[in-house]
Amino acid sequence: MMQFSVAPWCVLDAEQLKAIQKAIAIRTQFIQIILSLTKTSETDGEPIIRAMEYVFPDNGYDQIKDQFMLGDSILVAPTPQTS
């Protein structure tokens, strides 16, 4: 989910706005998967966004705080910034 309290183009500089637009473009690529996970979650109660330890229990992933799973198959993790 993305929520903006203020229109980003009204308060962000060009570089920050570009980063937001990139995040929205990435989300758009995954929207059908997100909607499918939402529908499944309604019936089975499984979370859509899952900690690494939740998907891969007893592997020592409980300390990982900078990445997570979207469902059971999509890893969301930071990547180095490129200009």
N, C-alpha and C. Protein backbone atom coordinates (compact mmCIF):
# COMPACT_ATOMS: atom_id res chain seq x y z
N MET A 1 0.83 -1.16 0.00
CA MET A 1 0.00 0.00 0.00
C MET A 1 0.88 1.23 0.00
N MET A 2 0.45 2.21 -0.72
CA MET A 2 1.11 3.50 -0.69
C MET A 2 0.08 4.54 -0.32
N GLN A 3 0.47 5.46 0.53
CA GLN A 3 -0.42 6.53 0.92
C GLN A 3 0.38 7.81 1.00
N PHE A 4 -0.16 8.85 0.44
CA PHE A 4 0.48 10.16 0.48
C PHE A 4 -0.45 11.14 1.18
N SER A 5 0.05 11.82 2.19
CA SER A 5 -0.76 12.81 2.90
C SER A 5 -0.85 14.11 2.10
N VAL A 6 0.15 14.36 1.30
CA VAL A 6 0.22 15.54 0.46
C VAL A 6 0.67 15.07 -0.92
N ALA A 7 0.20 15.73 -1.94
CA ALA A 7 0.64 15.38 -3.30
C ALA A 7 2.16 15.52 -3.39
N PRO A 8 2.88 14.43 -3.68
CA PRO A 8 4.34 14.47 -3.68
C PRO A 8 4.92 15.56 -4.57
N TRP A 9 4.30 15.83 -5.71
CA TRP A 9 4.83 16.82 -6.64
C TRP A 9 4.74 18.24 -6.08
N CYS A 10 3.96 18.41 -5.00
CA CYS A 10 3.84 19.73 -4.37
C CYS A 10 4.91 19.99 -3.32
N VAL A 11 5.51 18.94 -2.79
CA VAL A 11 6.42 19.13 -1.65
C VAL A 11 7.82 18.57 -1.85
N LEU A 12 8.03 17.79 -2.90
CA LEU A 12 9.34 17.15 -3.09
C LEU A 12 10.15 17.86 -4.15
N ASP A 13 11.47 17.78 -4.00
CA ASP A 13 12.32 18.28 -5.07
C ASP A 13 12.35 17.25 -6.20
N ALA A 14 12.96 17.58 -7.30
CA ALA A 14 12.95 16.73 -8.49
C ALA A 14 13.54 15.34 -8.23
N GLU A 15 14.62 15.27 -7.47
CA GLU A 15 15.27 13.99 -7.19
C GLU A 15 14.37 13.09 -6.33
N GLN A 16 13.77 13.67 -5.30
CA GLN A 16 12.88 12.90 -4.44
C GLN A 16 11.63 12.45 -5.19
N LEU A 17 11.09 13.31 -6.02
CA LEU A 17 9.92 12.96 -6.81
C LEU A 17 10.23 11.83 -7.78
N LYS A 18 11.41 11.87 -8.37
CA LYS A 18 11.84 10.79 -9.27
C LYS A 18 11.90 9.45 -8.52
N ALA A 19 12.38 9.46 -7.28
CA ALA A 19 12.44 8.23 -6.48
C ALA A 19 11.04 7.70 -6.20
N ILE A 20 10.10 8.59 -5.89
CA ILE A 20 8.71 8.18 -5.65
C ILE A 20 8.12 7.60 -6.92
N GLN A 21 8.34 8.25 -8.05
CA GLN A 21 7.82 7.76 -9.32
C GLN A 21 8.39 6.39 -9.67
N LYS A 22 9.65 6.16 -9.35
CA LYS A 22 10.27 4.85 -9.58
C LYS A 22 9.62 3.79 -8.71
N ALA A 23 9.37 4.12 -7.43
CA ALA A 23 8.72 3.16 -6.52
C ALA A 23 7.31 2.83 -7.01
N ILE A 24 6.59 3.82 -7.51
CA ILE A 24 5.24 3.58 -8.03
C ILE A 24 5.30 2.69 -9.26
N ALA A 25 6.28 2.91 -10.12
CA ALA A 25 6.43 2.08 -11.33
C ALA A 25 6.72 0.62 -10.95
N ILE A 26 7.56 0.42 -9.96
CA ILE A 26 7.86 -0.95 -9.50
C ILE A 26 6.59 -1.58 -8.94
N ARG A 27 5.87 -0.85 -8.12
CA ARG A 27 4.63 -1.37 -7.54
C ARG A 27 3.64 -1.74 -8.65
N THR A 28 3.56 -0.93 -9.66
CA THR A 28 2.65 -1.19 -10.78
C THR A 28 2.97 -2.53 -11.45
N GLN A 29 4.24 -2.86 -11.55
CA GLN A 29 4.65 -4.14 -12.15
C GLN A 29 4.13 -5.33 -11.34
N PHE A 30 3.94 -5.14 -10.04
CA PHE A 30 3.55 -6.23 -9.15
C PHE A 30 2.09 -6.16 -8.70
N ILE A 31 1.31 -5.24 -9.24
CA ILE A 31 -0.03 -5.01 -8.72
C ILE A 31 -0.92 -6.26 -8.80
N GLN A 32 -0.84 -7.02 -9.87
CA GLN A 32 -1.68 -8.22 -9.98
C GLN A 32 -1.31 -9.26 -8.93
N ILE A 33 -0.03 -9.39 -8.66
CA ILE A 33 0.43 -10.32 -7.61
C ILE A 33 -0.04 -9.83 -6.24
N ILE A 34 0.07 -8.53 -5.98
CA ILE A 34 -0.36 -7.97 -4.71
C ILE A 34 -1.86 -8.19 -4.52
N LEU A 35 -2.65 -7.93 -5.56
CA LEU A 35 -4.10 -8.13 -5.46
C LEU A 35 -4.44 -9.60 -5.24
N SER A 36 -3.72 -10.49 -5.89
CA SER A 36 -3.95 -11.92 -5.69
C SER A 36 -3.63 -12.33 -4.26
N LEU A 37 -2.51 -11.84 -3.72
CA LEU A 37 -2.14 -12.14 -2.33
C LEU A 37 -3.18 -11.57 -1.36
N THR A 38 -3.73 -10.41 -1.68
CA THR A 38 -4.75 -9.80 -0.84
C THR A 38 -5.99 -10.69 -0.79
N LYS A 39 -6.41 -11.17 -1.93
CA LYS A 39 -7.59 -12.04 -2.01
C LYS A 39 -7.34 -13.34 -1.23
N THR A 40 -6.17 -13.93 -1.41
CA THR A 40 -5.84 -15.16 -0.69
C THR A 40 -5.80 -14.91 0.81
N SER A 41 -5.24 -13.78 1.21
CA SER A 41 -5.14 -13.45 2.64
C SER A 41 -6.51 -13.31 3.29
N GLU A 42 -7.49 -12.86 2.52
CA GLU A 42 -8.85 -12.74 3.05
C GLU A 42 -9.40 -14.08 3.54
N THR A 43 -9.01 -15.15 2.85
CA THR A 43 -9.55 -16.46 3.20
C THR A 43 -8.65 -17.28 4.12
N ASP A 44 -7.33 -17.21 3.90
CA ASP A 44 -6.46 -18.06 4.72
C ASP A 44 -5.80 -17.34 5.89
N GLY A 45 -5.92 -16.01 5.93
CA GLY A 45 -5.37 -15.25 7.04
C GLY A 45 -3.86 -15.06 7.01
N GLU A 46 -3.20 -15.59 5.98
CA GLU A 46 -1.75 -15.43 5.89
C GLU A 46 -1.41 -13.97 5.58
N PRO A 47 -0.34 -13.46 6.19
CA PRO A 47 0.04 -12.08 5.88
C PRO A 47 0.56 -11.96 4.44
N ILE A 48 0.37 -10.80 3.87
CA ILE A 48 0.86 -10.54 2.52
C ILE A 48 2.37 -10.27 2.57
N ILE A 49 2.75 -9.40 3.49
CA ILE A 49 4.16 -9.08 3.71
C ILE A 49 4.63 -9.96 4.86
N ARG A 50 5.70 -10.71 4.61
CA ARG A 50 6.13 -11.72 5.58
C ARG A 50 7.62 -11.55 5.92
N ALA A 51 7.89 -11.65 7.20
CA ALA A 51 9.29 -11.64 7.64
C ALA A 51 9.99 -12.87 7.06
N MET A 52 11.28 -12.76 6.87
CA MET A 52 12.06 -13.87 6.33
C MET A 52 11.88 -15.13 7.19
N GLU A 53 11.88 -14.96 8.49
CA GLU A 53 11.74 -16.10 9.41
C GLU A 53 10.38 -16.77 9.26
N TYR A 54 9.37 -16.02 8.90
CA TYR A 54 8.03 -16.57 8.72
C TYR A 54 8.00 -17.55 7.55
N VAL A 55 8.67 -17.18 6.47
CA VAL A 55 8.68 -18.01 5.26
C VAL A 55 9.71 -19.13 5.37
N PHE A 56 10.84 -18.83 6.01
CA PHE A 56 11.92 -19.80 6.14
C PHE A 56 12.26 -20.00 7.62
N PRO A 57 11.38 -20.70 8.36
CA PRO A 57 11.59 -20.83 9.81
C PRO A 57 12.85 -21.63 10.16
N ASP A 58 13.40 -21.29 11.28
CA ASP A 58 14.55 -22.00 11.85
C ASP A 58 15.79 -21.99 10.97
N ASN A 59 15.95 -20.91 10.21
CA ASN A 59 17.16 -20.74 9.39
C ASN A 59 18.00 -19.57 9.87
N GLY A 60 17.64 -18.98 11.01
CA GLY A 60 18.41 -17.86 11.55
C GLY A 60 18.09 -16.54 10.88
N TYR A 61 16.94 -16.45 10.21
CA TYR A 61 16.58 -15.21 9.51
C TYR A 61 15.82 -14.23 10.39
N ASP A 62 15.63 -14.56 11.64
CA ASP A 62 14.84 -13.70 12.52
C ASP A 62 15.48 -12.35 12.77
N GLN A 63 16.77 -12.21 12.53
CA GLN A 63 17.45 -10.94 12.75
C GLN A 63 17.50 -10.06 11.50
N ILE A 64 17.02 -10.56 10.39
CA ILE A 64 17.03 -9.77 9.15
C ILE A 64 15.92 -8.73 9.24
N LYS A 65 16.31 -7.47 9.19
CA LYS A 65 15.35 -6.37 9.35
C LYS A 65 15.23 -5.50 8.09
N ASP A 66 16.09 -5.72 7.10
CA ASP A 66 16.07 -4.84 5.94
C ASP A 66 15.55 -5.50 4.67
N GLN A 67 14.93 -6.65 4.80
CA GLN A 67 14.29 -7.29 3.65
C GLN A 67 13.13 -8.14 4.14
N PHE A 68 12.23 -8.44 3.23
CA PHE A 68 11.05 -9.23 3.58
C PHE A 68 10.55 -9.94 2.34
N MET A 69 9.58 -10.79 2.55
CA MET A 69 8.98 -11.53 1.44
C MET A 69 7.60 -10.94 1.14
N LEU A 70 7.27 -10.91 -0.13
CA LEU A 70 5.92 -10.59 -0.57
C LEU A 70 5.32 -11.94 -0.95
N GLY A 71 4.43 -12.43 -0.09
CA GLY A 71 3.99 -13.81 -0.24
C GLY A 71 5.15 -14.74 0.08
N ASP A 72 5.16 -15.91 -0.53
CA ASP A 72 6.23 -16.87 -0.28
C ASP A 72 7.33 -16.85 -1.33
N SER A 73 7.15 -16.07 -2.39
CA SER A 73 8.09 -16.23 -3.51
C SER A 73 8.80 -14.96 -3.98
N ILE A 74 8.44 -13.79 -3.46
CA ILE A 74 9.10 -12.56 -3.93
C ILE A 74 9.87 -11.93 -2.78
N LEU A 75 11.18 -11.86 -2.94
CA LEU A 75 12.05 -11.24 -1.96
C LEU A 75 12.13 -9.75 -2.26
N VAL A 76 11.89 -8.93 -1.24
CA VAL A 76 12.01 -7.48 -1.35
C VAL A 76 13.21 -7.09 -0.48
N ALA A 77 14.23 -6.55 -1.13
CA ALA A 77 15.47 -6.24 -0.40
C ALA A 77 16.09 -4.96 -0.98
N PRO A 78 16.87 -4.27 -0.16
CA PRO A 78 17.53 -3.06 -0.66
C PRO A 78 18.57 -3.39 -1.72
N THR A 79 18.73 -2.48 -2.64
CA THR A 79 19.75 -2.63 -3.66
C THR A 79 20.61 -1.35 -3.67
N PRO A 80 21.83 -1.46 -4.14
CA PRO A 80 22.67 -0.26 -4.20
C PRO A 80 22.04 0.78 -5.13
N GLN A 81 22.13 2.04 -4.74
CA GLN A 81 21.60 3.10 -5.59
C GLN A 81 22.54 3.34 -6.76
N THR A 82 21.93 3.56 -7.90
CA THR A 82 22.70 3.96 -9.08
C THR A 82 22.17 5.28 -9.56
N SER A 83 23.05 6.06 -10.17
CA SER A 83 22.57 7.37 -10.62
C SER A 83 22.15 7.35 -12.05
